[in-house]
Protein backbone atom coordinates (compact mmCIF):
# COMPACT_ATOMS: atom_id res chain seq x y z
CA MET A 1 -29.77 24.24 10.38
CA PRO A 2 -26.57 22.41 9.46
CA ARG A 3 -23.60 22.36 11.80
CA SER A 4 -21.05 25.11 11.24
CA ASP A 5 -18.43 22.54 10.21
CA THR A 6 -20.63 20.97 7.51
CA GLN A 7 -19.29 20.69 3.96
CA VAL A 8 -21.48 19.62 1.05
CA LEU A 9 -19.36 18.34 -1.84
CA ALA A 10 -21.15 17.86 -5.15
CA ALA A 11 -19.75 16.24 -8.30
CA GLU A 12 -20.98 14.96 -11.64
CA TRP A 13 -20.24 11.45 -10.38
CA VAL A 14 -19.67 10.06 -6.87
CA LEU A 15 -18.00 6.63 -6.67
CA PRO A 16 -18.57 5.25 -3.14
CA VAL A 17 -16.84 1.90 -4.02
CA THR A 18 -19.20 -0.08 -1.75
CA SER A 19 -22.25 0.82 -3.87
CA ASP A 20 -23.12 1.91 -7.39
CA ALA A 21 -21.83 5.17 -8.85
CA ILE A 22 -24.13 8.13 -8.22
CA ARG A 23 -24.76 10.65 -10.98
CA ASP A 24 -25.09 14.24 -9.72
CA GLY A 25 -23.90 12.96 -6.36
CA VAL A 26 -23.20 14.56 -3.02
CA VAL A 27 -20.98 13.75 -0.05
CA VAL A 28 -21.73 15.60 3.17
CA VAL A 29 -18.83 16.01 5.59
CA GLU A 30 -19.26 17.01 9.23
CA GLU A 31 -16.00 17.82 10.98
CA THR A 32 -13.77 14.80 10.12
CA ARG A 33 -16.45 12.27 9.12
CA ILE A 34 -18.74 11.47 6.23
CA ALA A 35 -22.30 12.27 7.34
CA TRP A 36 -24.27 11.39 4.20
CA VAL A 37 -23.75 10.08 0.64
CA GLY A 38 -26.34 10.12 -2.12
CA GLY A 39 -27.92 11.92 -5.05
CA ARG A 40 -28.20 15.68 -4.92
CA ARG A 41 -31.98 15.55 -5.30
CA GLU A 42 -32.23 13.35 -2.20
CA LEU A 43 -30.11 15.65 -0.01
CA PRO A 44 -31.75 15.74 3.46
CA SER A 45 -33.41 19.04 4.31
CA ARG A 46 -31.10 19.63 7.26
CA TYR A 47 -28.24 20.19 4.79
CA LEU A 48 -30.05 22.43 2.32
CA GLU A 49 -28.64 25.63 3.80
CA ALA A 50 -25.07 24.35 4.09
CA PRO A 51 -22.48 25.81 1.71
CA VAL A 52 -21.91 23.68 -1.38
CA ARG A 53 -18.59 23.07 -3.14
CA ALA A 54 -19.56 22.05 -6.65
CA PHE A 55 -17.19 20.13 -8.92
CA PRO A 56 -18.63 19.96 -12.43
CA ARG A 57 -17.11 17.52 -14.91
CA SER A 58 -15.56 15.63 -11.98
CA LEU A 59 -15.39 12.31 -10.16
CA LEU A 60 -15.54 12.27 -6.35
CA LEU A 61 -14.17 9.06 -4.87
CA PRO A 62 -12.21 7.77 -1.86
CA GLY A 63 -8.57 8.78 -1.70
CA TRP A 64 -6.21 6.10 -2.92
CA VAL A 65 -4.81 3.63 -0.38
CA ASN A 66 -1.21 2.84 -1.36
CA ALA A 67 -0.76 -0.52 0.36
CA HIS A 68 3.00 -0.82 -0.18
CA SER A 69 5.77 1.74 -0.60
CA HIS A 70 9.32 2.56 0.45
CA LEU A 71 9.26 6.37 0.58
CA ASN A 72 12.86 6.55 1.79
CA LEU A 73 13.86 5.60 -1.78
CA THR A 74 12.04 8.45 -3.56
CA ALA A 75 15.38 10.09 -4.40
CA ALA A 76 16.25 7.01 -6.51
CA LEU A 77 13.65 7.93 -9.15
CA GLY A 78 15.12 7.24 -12.60
CA LEU A 79 18.56 6.23 -11.29
CA LEU A 80 18.34 2.43 -11.52
CA ARG A 81 17.47 -0.21 -14.08
CA GLY A 82 15.92 -3.53 -13.27
CA SER A 83 15.34 -6.92 -14.82
CA ALA A 84 13.37 -9.86 -13.47
CA ASP A 85 16.23 -12.12 -14.60
CA ARG A 86 18.87 -10.10 -12.71
CA PHE A 87 16.96 -8.99 -9.62
CA THR A 88 19.90 -9.42 -7.25
CA ASP A 89 21.97 -7.09 -9.42
CA TRP A 90 19.31 -4.42 -8.89
CA ILE A 91 19.56 -5.05 -5.13
CA ARG A 92 23.34 -4.56 -5.29
CA ASP A 93 22.94 -1.31 -7.23
CA LEU A 94 20.31 -0.08 -4.78
CA LEU A 95 22.48 -0.86 -1.75
CA ARG A 96 25.43 1.00 -3.28
CA LEU A 97 23.21 3.99 -4.01
CA GLN A 98 21.80 4.06 -0.49
CA GLN A 99 25.26 3.86 1.05
CA SER A 100 26.23 7.01 -0.86
CA TRP A 101 23.34 9.07 0.56
CA PRO A 102 23.71 11.34 3.59
CA THR A 103 20.93 11.19 6.18
CA ARG A 104 19.30 14.36 4.87
CA ILE A 105 18.66 12.71 1.48
CA VAL A 106 16.69 9.94 3.17
CA GLU A 107 14.69 12.46 5.19
CA GLN A 108 13.95 14.55 2.12
CA SER A 109 13.00 11.42 0.18
CA VAL A 110 10.28 10.56 2.68
CA VAL A 111 8.82 14.07 2.66
CA ALA A 112 8.96 14.27 -1.14
CA GLY A 113 7.29 10.87 -1.39
CA LEU A 114 4.45 11.91 0.91
CA ASP A 115 3.90 15.08 -1.08
CA LEU A 116 3.96 13.23 -4.41
CA LEU A 117 1.38 10.77 -3.16
CA ALA A 118 -0.92 13.45 -1.74
CA SER A 119 -0.70 15.54 -4.90
CA THR A 120 -1.92 12.56 -6.95
CA GLY A 121 -4.88 11.64 -4.76
CA THR A 122 -3.48 9.22 -2.18
CA THR A 123 -4.83 9.71 1.34
CA THR A 124 -3.40 6.59 3.04
CA VAL A 125 0.06 5.10 2.56
CA ALA A 126 1.87 2.06 3.93
CA HIS A 127 5.55 2.89 4.28
CA VAL A 128 8.14 0.15 4.87
CA SER A 129 11.75 0.70 5.96
CA THR A 130 14.14 -0.39 8.69
CA LEU A 131 13.72 1.62 11.91
CA PRO A 132 11.86 4.46 10.16
CA GLU A 133 11.76 7.91 11.70
CA LEU A 134 8.17 8.91 12.49
CA GLU A 135 8.51 12.69 12.44
CA PRO A 136 7.81 13.21 8.70
CA PHE A 137 4.63 11.13 8.96
CA LEU A 138 3.42 12.90 12.09
CA ALA A 139 3.99 16.27 10.42
CA HIS A 140 2.13 15.36 7.22
CA PRO A 141 -1.67 15.42 6.87
CA MET A 142 -1.76 12.06 5.07
CA ARG A 143 -2.88 8.91 6.89
CA SER A 144 0.10 6.56 7.27
CA VAL A 145 0.85 3.03 8.44
CA VAL A 146 4.58 2.95 9.19
CA PHE A 147 6.19 -0.51 9.13
CA HIS A 148 9.53 -1.40 10.70
CA GLU A 149 11.31 -3.84 8.38
CA PRO A 150 13.72 -6.22 10.16
CA ILE A 151 16.29 -8.05 8.01
CA GLY A 152 18.37 -10.93 9.36
CA PHE A 153 18.92 -14.35 7.84
CA ARG A 154 21.21 -15.86 10.45
CA ALA A 155 19.39 -17.71 13.23
CA GLU A 156 21.41 -16.07 16.02
CA GLN A 157 20.09 -12.66 14.92
CA ALA A 158 16.47 -13.54 15.73
CA ASP A 159 16.51 -12.60 19.42
CA PRO A 160 18.35 -9.26 19.15
CA LEU A 161 16.33 -8.19 16.08
CA ALA A 162 13.05 -9.13 17.75
CA ARG A 163 14.04 -7.10 20.82
CA GLN A 164 15.01 -4.20 18.57
CA ALA A 165 11.57 -4.39 16.94
CA GLU A 166 9.88 -4.28 20.36
CA GLU A 167 11.95 -1.27 21.39
CA TRP A 168 11.14 0.55 18.15
CA LEU A 169 7.43 -0.11 18.60
CA ASP A 170 7.56 1.16 22.19
CA ALA A 171 9.38 4.35 21.20
CA ALA A 172 7.25 4.95 18.12
CA GLY A 173 4.04 4.34 20.05
CA ALA A 174 5.09 6.83 22.72
CA LEU A 175 5.90 9.41 20.06
CA ILE A 176 2.47 8.97 18.48
CA ASP A 177 0.78 9.29 21.88
CA ASP A 178 2.73 12.43 22.70
CA SER A 179 1.84 13.99 19.35
CA GLY A 180 -1.86 13.25 19.73
CA SER A 181 -1.95 11.99 16.15
CA THR A 182 -4.85 9.78 15.08
CA ARG A 183 -3.57 9.35 11.53
CA VAL A 184 -0.31 7.43 12.08
CA THR A 185 -0.32 3.75 13.04
CA LEU A 186 2.36 1.06 13.12
CA GLY A 187 3.16 -2.33 11.64
CA ILE A 188 5.88 -4.99 11.41
CA ALA A 189 7.38 -6.06 8.06
CA PRO A 190 9.83 -9.00 8.02
CA HIS A 191 11.52 -8.37 4.68
CA ALA A 192 11.36 -11.62 2.66
CA PRO A 193 11.92 -15.40 2.88
CA TYR A 194 15.45 -15.00 1.46
CA SER A 195 16.50 -12.37 4.02
CA VAL A 196 14.69 -13.31 7.26
CA SER A 197 15.32 -16.50 9.22
CA PRO A 198 12.38 -18.75 10.12
CA GLU A 199 13.04 -18.01 13.80
CA LEU A 200 12.84 -14.25 13.21
CA TYR A 201 9.70 -14.60 11.09
CA GLN A 202 7.94 -16.43 13.90
CA ARG A 203 9.14 -14.01 16.58
CA LEU A 204 7.89 -11.04 14.56
CA ALA A 205 4.56 -12.70 13.76
CA ALA A 206 4.06 -13.34 17.48
CA LEU A 207 4.92 -9.71 18.23
CA ALA A 208 2.42 -8.50 15.63
CA ALA A 209 -0.24 -10.73 17.16
CA LEU A 210 0.52 -9.56 20.70
CA ARG A 211 0.19 -5.90 19.71
CA ALA A 212 -2.64 -6.37 17.19
CA LEU A 213 -0.56 -4.87 14.37
CA PRO A 214 -0.64 -5.63 10.65
CA LEU A 215 2.23 -7.67 9.24
CA SER A 216 3.71 -7.12 5.77
CA THR A 217 6.25 -9.23 3.90
CA HIS A 218 7.58 -9.55 0.35
CA VAL A 219 6.94 -13.01 -1.07
CA SER A 220 7.24 -14.78 -4.43
CA GLU A 221 8.60 -11.66 -6.10
CA THR A 222 11.02 -13.51 -8.42
CA VAL A 223 11.78 -16.93 -9.88
CA ASP A 224 15.15 -16.78 -8.10
CA GLU A 225 13.33 -16.65 -4.75
CA ILE A 226 11.47 -19.84 -5.64
CA GLU A 227 14.76 -21.55 -6.57
CA PHE A 228 16.35 -20.45 -3.29
CA LEU A 229 13.55 -21.88 -1.15
CA ARG A 230 13.50 -25.15 -3.10
CA THR A 231 17.24 -25.81 -3.40
CA GLY A 232 19.15 -23.26 -1.30
CA ALA A 233 21.10 -22.25 -4.41
CA GLY A 234 21.04 -19.49 -7.00
CA PRO A 235 21.53 -15.70 -7.02
CA PHE A 236 20.10 -15.13 -3.52
CA ARG A 237 22.51 -17.65 -1.99
CA ALA A 238 25.37 -15.85 -3.74
CA LEU A 239 24.14 -12.45 -2.50
CA LEU A 240 23.85 -13.65 1.10
CA GLU A 241 27.35 -15.14 1.03
CA GLU A 242 28.77 -12.01 -0.59
CA ARG A 243 27.33 -9.83 2.19
CA GLY A 244 28.33 -12.15 5.03
CA ALA A 245 24.69 -12.87 5.79
CA TRP A 246 24.52 -16.57 4.87
CA ASP A 247 23.63 -19.06 7.62
CA PRO A 248 25.23 -22.47 6.94
CA SER A 249 22.83 -24.11 9.41
CA TRP A 250 19.80 -23.13 7.32
CA LYS A 251 18.28 -25.92 5.25
CA PRO A 252 16.12 -25.16 2.22
CA PRO A 253 12.53 -26.22 2.96
CA GLY A 254 12.02 -27.52 -0.57
CA VAL A 255 8.69 -25.75 -0.99
CA SER A 256 7.41 -22.55 -2.62
CA PRO A 257 7.79 -19.24 -0.76
CA VAL A 258 4.03 -19.08 -0.09
CA ARG A 259 3.95 -22.64 1.28
CA TYR A 260 7.03 -21.80 3.39
CA LEU A 261 5.21 -18.88 5.02
CA ALA A 262 2.12 -21.02 5.50
CA ASP A 263 4.18 -23.70 7.26
CA LEU A 264 5.68 -21.03 9.55
CA GLY A 265 2.20 -19.77 10.45
CA ILE A 266 2.82 -16.36 8.87
CA LEU A 267 -0.27 -16.50 6.64
CA GLU A 268 -2.43 -16.61 9.76
CA ARG A 269 -1.57 -13.00 10.61
CA PRO A 270 -3.63 -10.15 9.13
CA GLY A 271 -1.70 -7.88 6.78
CA LEU A 272 -0.09 -7.96 3.35
CA ALA A 273 1.72 -10.50 1.17
CA VAL A 274 3.55 -8.14 -1.17
CA HIS A 275 4.10 -8.95 -4.86
CA CYS A 276 3.06 -12.63 -5.27
CA ASN A 277 4.21 -12.43 -8.88
CA TYR A 278 4.95 -16.15 -9.38
CA LEU A 279 2.35 -18.55 -8.00
CA SER A 280 1.33 -22.14 -8.43
CA ASP A 281 -2.29 -23.21 -8.12
CA GLU A 282 -1.50 -24.39 -4.59
CA ASP A 283 0.01 -21.00 -3.75
CA ALA A 284 -3.12 -19.21 -4.97
CA ALA A 285 -5.30 -21.54 -2.91
CA LEU A 286 -3.19 -20.91 0.20
CA LEU A 287 -3.48 -17.15 -0.29
CA GLY A 288 -7.23 -17.55 -0.76
CA GLN A 289 -7.35 -18.95 2.79
CA SER A 290 -4.73 -16.54 4.15
CA ARG A 291 -5.26 -13.44 6.29
CA LEU A 292 -2.42 -11.79 4.38
CA VAL A 293 -3.82 -9.89 1.40
CA PRO A 294 -1.84 -10.23 -1.87
CA THR A 295 -0.54 -6.77 -2.75
CA TRP A 296 0.46 -6.03 -6.33
CA CYS A 297 2.61 -3.13 -7.53
CA PRO A 298 1.87 -2.95 -11.30
CA GLY A 299 4.39 -0.19 -12.08
CA SER A 300 7.20 -2.08 -10.38
CA HIS A 301 6.02 -5.27 -12.09
CA ARG A 302 6.42 -3.55 -15.44
CA PHE A 303 9.77 -2.00 -14.44
CA PHE A 304 11.30 -5.46 -13.89
CA GLY A 305 9.49 -7.12 -16.80
CA HIS A 306 7.89 -9.90 -14.77
CA ARG A 307 5.58 -12.33 -16.53
CA ALA A 308 1.80 -11.80 -16.46
CA TYR A 309 0.40 -11.26 -12.97
CA PRO A 310 -1.89 -14.07 -11.71
CA ALA A 311 -4.71 -11.73 -10.70
CA LEU A 312 -7.61 -13.79 -12.00
CA ARG A 313 -6.25 -16.99 -10.41
CA LEU A 314 -5.96 -15.19 -7.06
CA MET A 315 -9.47 -13.80 -7.30
CA GLU A 316 -10.93 -17.18 -8.24
CA ALA A 317 -9.22 -18.58 -5.13
CA GLY A 318 -10.85 -15.87 -3.00
CA ALA A 319 -7.82 -13.59 -2.63
CA SER A 320 -8.53 -10.20 -4.19
CA PRO A 321 -5.30 -8.13 -4.40
CA ALA A 322 -4.65 -4.68 -3.01
CA LEU A 323 -2.47 -2.24 -4.97
CA GLY A 324 0.66 -0.26 -4.14
CA THR A 325 3.43 1.62 -5.90
CA ASP A 326 6.50 0.03 -4.30
CA SER A 327 9.37 2.56 -4.43
CA ALA A 328 10.65 5.09 -6.94
CA ALA A 329 13.74 2.88 -7.23
CA SER A 330 11.60 0.40 -9.19
CA ASN A 331 8.84 2.53 -10.67
CA ALA A 332 8.30 5.56 -12.87
CA GLY A 333 6.59 7.46 -10.06
CA LEU A 334 4.21 7.21 -7.10
CA ASN A 335 0.90 7.90 -8.82
CA MET A 336 -1.77 5.41 -7.76
CA LEU A 337 -4.07 6.33 -10.67
CA ARG A 338 -1.31 5.06 -12.96
CA GLU A 339 -1.13 1.84 -10.94
CA VAL A 340 -4.88 1.32 -11.27
CA ARG A 341 -4.73 1.87 -15.02
CA LEU A 342 -1.70 -0.40 -15.44
CA ALA A 343 -3.52 -3.14 -13.53
CA ALA A 344 -6.58 -2.82 -15.75
CA GLU A 345 -4.43 -2.81 -18.88
CA ALA A 346 -2.46 -5.89 -17.82
CA CYS A 347 -5.48 -7.83 -16.50
CA SER A 348 -8.35 -6.84 -18.75
CA GLU A 349 -10.28 -9.98 -17.76
CA VAL A 350 -10.86 -8.40 -14.32
CA ASP A 351 -13.72 -5.91 -14.14
CA ARG A 352 -12.47 -2.35 -13.75
CA SER A 353 -14.52 -1.88 -10.59
CA GLY A 354 -12.32 -4.56 -9.02
CA TRP A 355 -9.21 -2.45 -9.58
CA LEU A 356 -10.90 0.62 -8.11
CA GLU A 357 -11.68 -1.43 -5.02
CA ALA A 358 -8.13 -2.85 -4.96
CA ALA A 359 -6.71 0.68 -4.75
CA THR A 360 -9.07 1.81 -2.00
CA ARG A 361 -11.15 -0.50 0.16
CA THR A 362 -9.04 -3.67 -0.15
CA GLY A 363 -5.83 -1.87 0.80
CA ALA A 364 -7.52 -0.21 3.77
CA ARG A 365 -8.79 -3.57 4.99
CA ALA A 366 -5.33 -5.16 4.63
CA LEU A 367 -3.81 -2.36 6.71
CA GLY A 368 -6.37 -2.73 9.50
CA LEU A 369 -8.12 0.50 8.51
CA GLY A 370 -11.18 -0.95 6.79
CA GLU A 371 -13.59 0.51 9.33
CA ARG A 372 -12.02 3.95 9.02
CA THR A 373 -11.26 4.64 5.37
CA GLY A 374 -11.21 3.24 1.82
CA SER A 375 -14.82 3.92 0.80
CA LEU A 376 -17.41 6.70 0.97
CA GLU A 377 -19.78 5.54 3.70
CA THR A 378 -21.56 7.31 6.53
CA GLY A 379 -19.39 7.34 9.64
CA LYS A 380 -16.07 6.79 7.88
CA ALA A 381 -13.28 9.35 7.82
CA ALA A 382 -13.70 11.99 5.12
CA ASP A 383 -10.67 10.82 3.13
CA LEU A 384 -11.49 11.59 -0.49
CA GLN A 385 -10.30 13.02 -3.77
CA VAL A 386 -11.88 14.95 -6.63
CA LEU A 387 -10.64 14.21 -10.15
CA GLU A 388 -11.56 16.73 -12.83
CA ALA A 389 -11.75 15.86 -16.54
CA GLN A 390 -9.97 18.15 -18.97
CA ALA A 391 -12.78 17.79 -21.53
CA GLU A 392 -16.42 16.69 -21.54
CA MET A 393 -16.65 13.67 -19.26
CA GLN A 394 -17.77 10.27 -20.51
CA SER A 395 -21.20 9.06 -19.47
CA ASP A 396 -19.63 5.97 -17.85
CA PRO A 397 -17.72 7.07 -14.71
CA LEU A 398 -15.46 4.00 -14.70
CA ALA A 399 -14.55 4.62 -18.33
CA ALA A 400 -13.77 8.21 -17.38
CA LEU A 401 -11.61 7.06 -14.44
CA PHE A 402 -9.59 4.67 -16.58
CA GLU A 403 -9.45 6.60 -19.85
CA ASP A 404 -10.04 10.34 -19.50
CA ASN A 405 -7.35 12.95 -18.98
CA LEU A 406 -7.90 13.71 -15.29
CA ARG A 407 -6.26 16.10 -12.85
CA VAL A 408 -6.51 16.13 -9.08
CA ARG A 409 -8.72 19.04 -8.11
CA SER A 410 -8.99 18.45 -4.36
CA VAL A 411 -7.79 16.00 -1.70
CA LEU A 412 -9.24 15.78 1.81
CA VAL A 413 -8.03 13.75 4.80
CA ASP A 414 -10.26 13.75 7.88
CA GLY A 415 -12.32 16.42 6.13
CA SER A 416 -9.44 18.88 5.81
CA GLU A 417 -7.95 20.00 2.50
CA VAL A 418 -4.44 18.67 1.95
CA ARG A 419 -2.17 21.47 0.81
CA ILE A 420 1.23 20.45 -0.53
CA ARG A 421 4.13 22.47 0.83
C-alpha cells in the first residue's frame, strides 16, 4: 500500500533534465520529496493503488529557477526605456522613479513579483535588493534565496557597510529560524565593480565564505563598465561624481571587469556572475575556471539592445550560464519560459536542452541548492511544473517546450500546489 501522502503525477512527457525525456512518464511524490521517476509502465507495484493525477497533452518538468531578479522593481513594468549606449541614463531614471515610491509600493512590488513568477512556473527565485525585508518571502510558498546588496564605492564605507551586512544576516537568519521556514535562504550581493570599492568586495566575499553563503554580483554588463575599469573615465565616473559617491583615492586597475574580480579573489567564491554581456577570450577563460556561474537575463539583454551574448564562448570555456529575468524595470515581464525561448532564439548554436538546464539545474547549483532542487530526481524536493499544450502536442518534447502554445496547468513546491492569491 502506498503512503497516504503519495501523489502519482502522470504526463505525456516528463523532462527530468538530468536524463532523457520520458514519454508517458510518471513522477511519484511522497510528502515533500520525489520518490520515483520513470515510465508509467514501469511504475513500482507499491504505487499502483495510489491516486493518479493525469495530465494529457502536457509536459512535466522541474519548476524554473530564476537565478537573478529584483522583485522590488516589479511596479516599474513598462515605465522605463533603456539603451546599451545610455545605460547610466536608465540608472538615473530608475533612481528617480524609486525615490517617488512610498514604502507600500515596494512591498506590493515584491509580492506581485513572487506571484507573477509562481503563476508562470517558477519555483525558486533569487531576489537581490539592499536590506530586503524577509516577510513577503517567508509568507510565500515559493523557494527563495534573498540577497542583501551593499553599494558603496568610497573606501571609508567598507567597514560600516560590512558591519551592516553582518547585522542584516544575523537578523534575517533569526527571523528564518523563528518562522521555521526551510524554503528561504540568504546570500550577499556586492552590486558591481563601478559601485563597490575593492575593500568592500573583499570584506563581503570573506563574509560569504565565513557563513557559507552564495555571492552574486553584476559584472561586464556594459561597454561603459569596461571603460571605467580600464581608464577611470566615462559615464560611470560622471554618475559617481554627480551622486557624491566618487572616491578620488581609487585608481583604475586597467583591466577588464572580470579580471578585476579575479584579482580581488571574488571569482573564488561560489555564486553568480550576473550578465557577463561583454567578454574577451581571457574573460571567458577566467569564468570557465571560476566558482561564480555566469547568469544571463535574455529579456533584459534585449531590452537594452546589447550585442550578441557570448554563450557559446562561455560554454566552450567550461562556464555554462544560468538564466534569470532581472527586473521588470528592464524587461517585458518575469516569465522564465520567455527567457528560455529568447535564449534559444538568440543562441541557436546551443542545443535547446542546454537552455532547459540553464533555467533549472544550473541556476539551482549556482544558488547552492543543487542537491535540493532544479531537476526531477529521487530524493529531491518536489518542485515542479506542468505545462499543457493548447493543441495536439508535438512528438518532440523539446520542440513542444520551445514552440508550442503552452499554459501553466500546475505548480508544486515541496509537493504542495502553489495557489496564487
